């Protein structure tokens, strides 16, 4: 945990410097409803209690935590394809690096809730393990 916390502390200025938009804050598949009413699917996002101003890359990180590189690339490709004119992500290397930074942030935020009922020791171990892997990937 010491290495994870040390890395996170060093990342805070970069995370805080990202452009701010309205973000969901808990963007998981169970908070996304898809409507197939003719033509193109429409997405409806539910459960906005953690919505705030922040980087949209935080929502991508939340959704993609644990993704392999090819799956993460596909998600970023789809996200970039839907961006409005005048909005752009950094180059792919920087985008992936920032998403990894937000993975660490998200996992630490979730670990802060581990003392509440319903959080298993195995769940804590999984979050710590993912964070350790991400820190190694960033080294």
N, C-alpha and C. Protein backbone atom coordinates (compact mmCIF):
# COMPACT_ATOMS: atom_id res chain seq x y z
N UNK A 1 0.82 -1.20 0.00
CA UNK A 1 0.00 0.00 0.00
C UNK A 1 0.86 1.26 0.00
N UNK A 2 2.02 1.19 0.64
CA UNK A 2 2.87 2.37 0.70
C UNK A 2 3.26 2.84 -0.71
N UNK A 3 3.63 1.90 -1.59
CA UNK A 3 4.01 2.26 -2.97
C UNK A 3 2.83 2.83 -3.74
N UNK A 4 1.65 2.28 -3.53
CA UNK A 4 0.44 2.77 -4.20
C UNK A 4 0.13 4.19 -3.74
N UNK A 5 0.15 4.41 -2.44
CA UNK A 5 -0.14 5.74 -1.90
C UNK A 5 0.90 6.76 -2.34
N UNK A 6 2.15 6.37 -2.37
CA UNK A 6 3.22 7.26 -2.82
C UNK A 6 3.00 7.66 -4.28
N UNK A 7 2.68 6.68 -5.13
CA UNK A 7 2.43 6.96 -6.54
C UNK A 7 1.22 7.87 -6.70
N UNK A 8 0.16 7.58 -5.95
CA UNK A 8 -1.06 8.39 -6.04
C UNK A 8 -0.78 9.83 -5.64
N UNK A 9 -0.04 10.03 -4.57
CA UNK A 9 0.27 11.39 -4.13
C UNK A 9 1.00 12.17 -5.22
N UNK A 10 1.91 11.49 -5.91
CA UNK A 10 2.65 12.15 -6.99
C UNK A 10 1.76 12.47 -8.19
N UNK A 11 0.67 11.73 -8.36
CA UNK A 11 -0.23 11.91 -9.51
C UNK A 11 -1.29 12.99 -9.29
N UNK A 12 -1.55 13.35 -8.06
CA UNK A 12 -2.65 14.27 -7.75
C UNK A 12 -2.60 15.56 -8.56
N UNK A 13 -1.45 16.24 -8.69
CA UNK A 13 -1.45 17.47 -9.50
C UNK A 13 -1.88 17.24 -10.95
N UNK A 14 -1.46 16.14 -11.56
CA UNK A 14 -1.86 15.85 -12.94
C UNK A 14 -3.35 15.53 -13.04
N UNK A 15 -3.86 14.80 -12.08
CA UNK A 15 -5.29 14.47 -12.09
C UNK A 15 -6.13 15.73 -11.91
N UNK A 16 -5.71 16.58 -10.99
CA UNK A 16 -6.46 17.81 -10.71
C UNK A 16 -6.38 18.81 -11.85
N UNK A 17 -5.37 18.71 -12.70
CA UNK A 17 -5.19 19.67 -13.80
C UNK A 17 -6.02 19.33 -15.04
N UNK A 18 -6.73 18.22 -15.02
CA UNK A 18 -7.52 17.82 -16.19
C UNK A 18 -8.73 18.74 -16.37
N UNK A 19 -9.16 18.91 -17.64
CA UNK A 19 -10.36 19.73 -17.89
C UNK A 19 -11.55 19.15 -17.12
N UNK A 20 -12.44 20.02 -16.68
CA UNK A 20 -13.57 19.58 -15.85
C UNK A 20 -14.87 19.62 -16.64
N UNK A 21 -15.59 18.53 -16.52
CA UNK A 21 -16.92 18.36 -17.11
C UNK A 21 -17.79 17.69 -16.05
N UNK A 22 -19.07 17.61 -16.31
CA UNK A 22 -19.95 16.85 -15.42
C UNK A 22 -19.68 15.37 -15.65
N UNK A 23 -19.27 14.67 -14.60
CA UNK A 23 -19.00 13.23 -14.71
C UNK A 23 -19.94 12.47 -13.79
N UNK A 24 -20.14 11.22 -14.11
CA UNK A 24 -21.05 10.36 -13.36
C UNK A 24 -20.47 10.00 -12.00
N UNK A 25 -19.21 9.57 -11.98
CA UNK A 25 -18.54 9.26 -10.72
C UNK A 25 -18.65 7.82 -10.26
N UNK A 26 -19.53 7.03 -10.88
CA UNK A 26 -19.72 5.62 -10.53
C UNK A 26 -20.18 4.88 -11.78
N UNK A 27 -19.47 5.10 -12.86
CA UNK A 27 -19.88 4.65 -14.19
C UNK A 27 -19.57 3.17 -14.36
N UNK A 28 -20.55 2.33 -14.08
CA UNK A 28 -20.43 0.88 -14.18
C UNK A 28 -21.55 0.36 -15.06
N UNK A 29 -21.39 -0.82 -15.64
CA UNK A 29 -22.43 -1.37 -16.52
C UNK A 29 -23.83 -1.41 -15.90
N UNK A 30 -23.92 -1.68 -14.60
CA UNK A 30 -25.25 -1.76 -13.98
C UNK A 30 -25.90 -0.39 -13.82
N UNK A 31 -25.18 0.69 -14.11
CA UNK A 31 -25.75 2.04 -14.08
C UNK A 31 -26.05 2.56 -15.49
N UNK A 32 -26.02 1.67 -16.48
CA UNK A 32 -26.28 2.06 -17.86
C UNK A 32 -27.44 1.24 -18.39
N UNK A 33 -28.48 1.93 -18.86
CA UNK A 33 -29.64 1.28 -19.47
C UNK A 33 -29.58 1.56 -20.97
N UNK A 34 -29.72 0.52 -21.78
CA UNK A 34 -29.67 0.67 -23.23
C UNK A 34 -31.07 0.47 -23.79
N UNK A 35 -31.51 1.44 -24.59
CA UNK A 35 -32.81 1.36 -25.26
C UNK A 35 -32.56 1.01 -26.72
N UNK A 36 -33.25 0.03 -27.24
CA UNK A 36 -33.10 -0.40 -28.62
C UNK A 36 -34.29 0.03 -29.47
N UNK A 37 -34.96 1.12 -29.11
CA UNK A 37 -36.14 1.59 -29.84
C UNK A 37 -35.75 2.08 -31.22
N UNK A 38 -35.75 1.18 -32.20
CA UNK A 38 -35.45 1.54 -33.58
C UNK A 38 -34.07 2.13 -33.73
N UNK A 39 -33.50 1.99 -34.88
CA UNK A 39 -32.24 2.63 -35.22
C UNK A 39 -31.11 2.45 -34.22
N UNK A 40 -30.46 3.53 -33.95
CA UNK A 40 -29.28 3.55 -33.10
C UNK A 40 -29.64 3.36 -31.62
N UNK A 41 -28.89 2.52 -30.90
CA UNK A 41 -29.18 2.34 -29.46
C UNK A 41 -28.99 3.66 -28.71
N UNK A 42 -29.83 3.86 -27.70
CA UNK A 42 -29.74 5.05 -26.85
C UNK A 42 -29.35 4.61 -25.44
N UNK A 43 -28.40 5.33 -24.86
CA UNK A 43 -27.93 5.01 -23.52
C UNK A 43 -28.54 5.97 -22.52
N UNK A 44 -28.96 5.43 -21.40
CA UNK A 44 -29.45 6.23 -20.28
C UNK A 44 -28.63 5.84 -19.06
N UNK A 45 -28.04 6.81 -18.41
CA UNK A 45 -27.22 6.55 -17.24
C UNK A 45 -28.07 6.81 -16.00
N UNK A 46 -28.02 5.87 -15.05
CA UNK A 46 -28.79 5.99 -13.82
C UNK A 46 -27.85 6.16 -12.63
N UNK A 47 -28.42 6.38 -11.45
CA UNK A 47 -27.69 6.46 -10.19
C UNK A 47 -26.59 7.52 -10.24
N UNK A 48 -26.98 8.75 -10.16
CA UNK A 48 -26.04 9.87 -10.29
C UNK A 48 -25.63 10.48 -8.94
N UNK A 49 -25.73 9.73 -7.87
CA UNK A 49 -25.44 10.30 -6.55
C UNK A 49 -23.97 10.70 -6.37
N UNK A 50 -23.06 10.17 -7.19
CA UNK A 50 -21.65 10.55 -7.08
C UNK A 50 -21.23 11.49 -8.21
N UNK A 51 -22.20 12.05 -8.94
CA UNK A 51 -21.89 12.98 -10.02
C UNK A 51 -21.18 14.21 -9.46
N UNK A 52 -20.24 14.74 -10.26
CA UNK A 52 -19.45 15.90 -9.83
C UNK A 52 -18.74 16.48 -11.05
N UNK A 53 -18.06 17.58 -10.84
CA UNK A 53 -17.20 18.11 -11.89
C UNK A 53 -15.87 17.38 -11.81
N UNK A 54 -15.39 16.92 -12.97
CA UNK A 54 -14.13 16.21 -13.00
C UNK A 54 -13.77 15.84 -14.43
N UNK A 55 -12.73 15.08 -14.56
CA UNK A 55 -12.27 14.64 -15.87
C UNK A 55 -13.15 13.51 -16.39
N UNK A 56 -13.57 13.58 -17.66
CA UNK A 56 -14.31 12.45 -18.23
C UNK A 56 -13.47 11.17 -18.25
N UNK A 57 -12.15 11.32 -18.19
CA UNK A 57 -11.30 10.14 -18.15
C UNK A 57 -11.51 9.36 -16.85
N UNK A 58 -12.01 10.03 -15.80
CA UNK A 58 -12.33 9.32 -14.56
C UNK A 58 -13.46 8.32 -14.82
N UNK A 59 -14.50 8.76 -15.54
CA UNK A 59 -15.59 7.83 -15.86
C UNK A 59 -15.09 6.68 -16.73
N UNK A 60 -14.22 6.97 -17.70
CA UNK A 60 -13.65 5.89 -18.52
C UNK A 60 -12.82 4.94 -17.66
N UNK A 61 -12.07 5.49 -16.73
CA UNK A 61 -11.28 4.65 -15.83
C UNK A 61 -12.17 3.79 -14.96
N UNK A 62 -13.23 4.38 -14.46
CA UNK A 62 -14.16 3.63 -13.60
C UNK A 62 -14.75 2.46 -14.35
N UNK A 63 -15.18 2.73 -15.59
CA UNK A 63 -15.80 1.69 -16.42
C UNK A 63 -14.80 0.63 -16.85
N UNK A 64 -13.55 1.01 -17.08
CA UNK A 64 -12.59 0.10 -17.70
C UNK A 64 -11.61 -0.56 -16.74
N UNK A 65 -11.74 -0.33 -15.46
CA UNK A 65 -10.79 -0.92 -14.51
C UNK A 65 -10.78 -2.44 -14.68
N UNK A 66 -9.60 -3.00 -14.92
CA UNK A 66 -9.47 -4.43 -15.12
C UNK A 66 -9.47 -4.85 -16.59
N UNK A 67 -9.74 -3.91 -17.51
CA UNK A 67 -9.74 -4.22 -18.94
C UNK A 67 -8.32 -4.53 -19.41
N UNK A 68 -8.22 -5.47 -20.34
CA UNK A 68 -6.97 -5.70 -21.06
C UNK A 68 -6.78 -4.58 -22.06
N UNK A 69 -5.56 -4.40 -22.56
CA UNK A 69 -5.22 -3.28 -23.44
C UNK A 69 -6.12 -3.19 -24.68
N UNK A 70 -6.40 -4.31 -25.37
CA UNK A 70 -7.22 -4.25 -26.58
C UNK A 70 -8.63 -3.78 -26.29
N UNK A 71 -9.19 -4.25 -25.20
CA UNK A 71 -10.55 -3.83 -24.82
C UNK A 71 -10.56 -2.36 -24.42
N UNK A 72 -9.52 -1.92 -23.72
CA UNK A 72 -9.42 -0.51 -23.33
C UNK A 72 -9.28 0.37 -24.58
N UNK A 73 -8.45 -0.05 -25.54
CA UNK A 73 -8.32 0.70 -26.79
C UNK A 73 -9.66 0.82 -27.51
N UNK A 74 -10.43 -0.26 -27.55
CA UNK A 74 -11.74 -0.23 -28.21
C UNK A 74 -12.67 0.76 -27.52
N UNK A 75 -12.64 0.80 -26.19
CA UNK A 75 -13.48 1.74 -25.45
C UNK A 75 -13.06 3.18 -25.74
N UNK A 76 -11.76 3.46 -25.74
CA UNK A 76 -11.28 4.81 -26.02
C UNK A 76 -11.60 5.19 -27.46
N UNK A 77 -11.47 4.25 -28.41
CA UNK A 77 -11.85 4.52 -29.80
C UNK A 77 -13.31 4.94 -29.89
N UNK A 78 -14.19 4.21 -29.23
CA UNK A 78 -15.62 4.52 -29.27
C UNK A 78 -15.89 5.87 -28.62
N UNK A 79 -15.22 6.15 -27.52
CA UNK A 79 -15.40 7.42 -26.82
C UNK A 79 -14.96 8.58 -27.72
N UNK A 80 -13.79 8.45 -28.35
CA UNK A 80 -13.28 9.49 -29.24
C UNK A 80 -14.23 9.71 -30.42
N UNK A 81 -14.81 8.65 -30.94
CA UNK A 81 -15.71 8.75 -32.09
C UNK A 81 -16.97 9.54 -31.74
N UNK A 82 -17.36 9.57 -30.47
CA UNK A 82 -18.58 10.25 -30.05
C UNK A 82 -18.35 11.63 -29.48
N UNK A 83 -17.09 12.05 -29.35
CA UNK A 83 -16.82 13.37 -28.80
C UNK A 83 -17.39 14.46 -29.69
N UNK A 84 -17.87 15.50 -29.07
CA UNK A 84 -18.40 16.65 -29.81
C UNK A 84 -17.25 17.45 -30.42
N UNK A 85 -17.54 18.14 -31.51
CA UNK A 85 -16.55 18.97 -32.17
C UNK A 85 -15.97 19.97 -31.17
N UNK A 86 -14.66 20.15 -31.23
CA UNK A 86 -13.99 21.08 -30.33
C UNK A 86 -13.52 20.44 -29.04
N UNK A 87 -13.89 19.21 -28.81
CA UNK A 87 -13.46 18.48 -27.63
C UNK A 87 -12.50 17.39 -28.10
N UNK A 88 -11.38 17.25 -27.44
CA UNK A 88 -10.41 16.24 -27.85
C UNK A 88 -9.71 15.65 -26.65
N UNK A 89 -9.35 14.41 -26.80
CA UNK A 89 -8.52 13.76 -25.79
C UNK A 89 -7.06 14.02 -26.14
N UNK A 90 -6.17 13.87 -25.15
CA UNK A 90 -4.75 13.93 -25.48
C UNK A 90 -4.40 12.77 -26.43
N UNK A 91 -3.16 12.70 -26.89
CA UNK A 91 -2.79 11.56 -27.75
C UNK A 91 -3.02 10.26 -26.99
N UNK A 92 -3.06 9.14 -27.72
CA UNK A 92 -3.44 7.85 -27.12
C UNK A 92 -2.53 7.46 -25.95
N UNK A 93 -1.25 7.64 -26.07
CA UNK A 93 -0.34 7.26 -24.99
C UNK A 93 -0.67 8.03 -23.71
N UNK A 94 -0.88 9.33 -23.84
CA UNK A 94 -1.21 10.16 -22.69
C UNK A 94 -2.59 9.81 -22.13
N UNK A 95 -3.56 9.57 -23.02
CA UNK A 95 -4.90 9.19 -22.57
C UNK A 95 -4.85 7.91 -21.75
N UNK A 96 -4.14 6.90 -22.24
CA UNK A 96 -4.05 5.63 -21.51
C UNK A 96 -3.32 5.81 -20.19
N UNK A 97 -2.30 6.64 -20.18
CA UNK A 97 -1.57 6.90 -18.93
C UNK A 97 -2.48 7.56 -17.91
N UNK A 98 -3.25 8.58 -18.35
CA UNK A 98 -4.18 9.26 -17.43
C UNK A 98 -5.27 8.31 -16.94
N UNK A 99 -5.76 7.46 -17.81
CA UNK A 99 -6.77 6.48 -17.38
C UNK A 99 -6.19 5.57 -16.30
N UNK A 100 -4.96 5.14 -16.48
CA UNK A 100 -4.30 4.31 -15.46
C UNK A 100 -4.15 5.08 -14.14
N UNK A 101 -3.81 6.37 -14.23
CA UNK A 101 -3.74 7.18 -13.02
C UNK A 101 -5.08 7.18 -12.30
N UNK A 102 -6.15 7.37 -13.09
CA UNK A 102 -7.49 7.39 -12.49
C UNK A 102 -7.89 6.01 -11.97
N UNK A 103 -7.35 4.92 -12.53
CA UNK A 103 -7.61 3.59 -11.97
C UNK A 103 -7.11 3.54 -10.53
N UNK A 104 -5.90 4.04 -10.31
CA UNK A 104 -5.34 4.04 -8.95
C UNK A 104 -6.23 4.89 -8.03
N UNK A 105 -6.60 6.07 -8.49
CA UNK A 105 -7.44 6.97 -7.70
C UNK A 105 -8.77 6.31 -7.34
N UNK A 106 -9.41 5.71 -8.33
CA UNK A 106 -10.70 5.05 -8.13
C UNK A 106 -10.57 3.89 -7.14
N UNK A 107 -9.52 3.08 -7.29
CA UNK A 107 -9.34 1.95 -6.39
C UNK A 107 -9.10 2.39 -4.96
N UNK A 108 -8.32 3.46 -4.78
CA UNK A 108 -8.11 3.97 -3.42
C UNK A 108 -9.40 4.53 -2.84
N UNK A 109 -10.19 5.20 -3.67
CA UNK A 109 -11.48 5.72 -3.21
C UNK A 109 -12.38 4.56 -2.75
N UNK A 110 -12.39 3.49 -3.52
CA UNK A 110 -13.20 2.32 -3.17
C UNK A 110 -12.67 1.65 -1.91
N UNK A 111 -11.36 1.55 -1.79
CA UNK A 111 -10.77 0.96 -0.58
C UNK A 111 -11.16 1.74 0.67
N UNK A 112 -11.39 3.03 0.52
CA UNK A 112 -11.82 3.85 1.65
C UNK A 112 -13.18 3.44 2.19
N UNK A 113 -13.95 2.70 1.40
CA UNK A 113 -15.26 2.21 1.81
C UNK A 113 -15.20 0.79 2.35
N UNK A 114 -14.02 0.20 2.38
CA UNK A 114 -13.88 -1.22 2.73
C UNK A 114 -14.27 -1.55 4.16
N UNK A 115 -14.34 -0.56 5.00
CA UNK A 115 -14.71 -0.83 6.40
C UNK A 115 -16.21 -1.02 6.58
N UNK A 116 -17.00 -0.72 5.54
CA UNK A 116 -18.44 -0.85 5.63
C UNK A 116 -18.87 -2.30 5.40
N UNK A 117 -20.01 -2.69 5.97
CA UNK A 117 -20.51 -4.06 5.78
C UNK A 117 -20.67 -4.39 4.29
N UNK A 118 -20.44 -5.66 3.97
CA UNK A 118 -20.61 -6.11 2.60
C UNK A 118 -19.33 -6.09 1.78
N UNK A 119 -18.28 -5.54 2.34
CA UNK A 119 -17.00 -5.49 1.64
C UNK A 119 -16.16 -6.66 2.11
N UNK A 120 -15.80 -7.54 1.21
CA UNK A 120 -15.07 -8.75 1.60
C UNK A 120 -13.56 -8.54 1.60
N UNK A 121 -12.88 -9.39 2.32
CA UNK A 121 -11.42 -9.35 2.33
C UNK A 121 -10.89 -9.64 0.92
N UNK A 122 -11.56 -10.53 0.21
CA UNK A 122 -11.15 -10.85 -1.16
C UNK A 122 -11.30 -9.63 -2.07
N UNK A 123 -12.35 -8.85 -1.87
CA UNK A 123 -12.55 -7.62 -2.64
C UNK A 123 -11.44 -6.62 -2.40
N UNK A 124 -11.02 -6.49 -1.14
CA UNK A 124 -9.93 -5.59 -0.79
C UNK A 124 -8.64 -6.08 -1.45
N UNK A 125 -8.37 -7.37 -1.37
CA UNK A 125 -7.17 -7.93 -1.98
C UNK A 125 -7.15 -7.68 -3.49
N UNK A 126 -8.30 -7.80 -4.13
CA UNK A 126 -8.40 -7.58 -5.58
C UNK A 126 -8.07 -6.13 -5.94
N UNK A 127 -8.62 -5.18 -5.18
CA UNK A 127 -8.34 -3.77 -5.44
C UNK A 127 -6.88 -3.43 -5.22
N UNK A 128 -6.29 -3.96 -4.16
CA UNK A 128 -4.88 -3.71 -3.88
C UNK A 128 -4.03 -4.33 -4.99
N UNK A 129 -4.35 -5.54 -5.40
CA UNK A 129 -3.60 -6.22 -6.46
C UNK A 129 -3.67 -5.44 -7.77
N UNK A 130 -4.88 -4.98 -8.15
CA UNK A 130 -5.01 -4.19 -9.38
C UNK A 130 -4.21 -2.90 -9.30
N UNK A 131 -4.23 -2.26 -8.15
CA UNK A 131 -3.48 -1.02 -7.98
C UNK A 131 -1.98 -1.28 -8.07
N UNK A 132 -1.52 -2.38 -7.46
CA UNK A 132 -0.10 -2.73 -7.55
C UNK A 132 0.30 -2.98 -9.01
N UNK A 133 -0.54 -3.68 -9.76
CA UNK A 133 -0.26 -3.94 -11.18
C UNK A 133 -0.18 -2.64 -11.96
N UNK A 134 -1.09 -1.71 -11.67
CA UNK A 134 -1.10 -0.44 -12.37
C UNK A 134 0.15 0.37 -12.05
N UNK A 135 0.57 0.39 -10.79
CA UNK A 135 1.79 1.10 -10.42
C UNK A 135 2.98 0.50 -11.15
N UNK A 136 3.04 -0.82 -11.26
CA UNK A 136 4.14 -1.48 -12.01
C UNK A 136 4.08 -1.10 -13.48
N UNK A 137 2.87 -1.06 -14.06
CA UNK A 137 2.69 -0.70 -15.47
C UNK A 137 3.17 0.73 -15.72
N UNK A 138 2.96 1.61 -14.76
CA UNK A 138 3.34 3.01 -14.92
C UNK A 138 4.83 3.25 -14.69
N UNK A 139 5.51 2.29 -14.07
CA UNK A 139 6.94 2.48 -13.75
C UNK A 139 7.81 2.53 -14.99
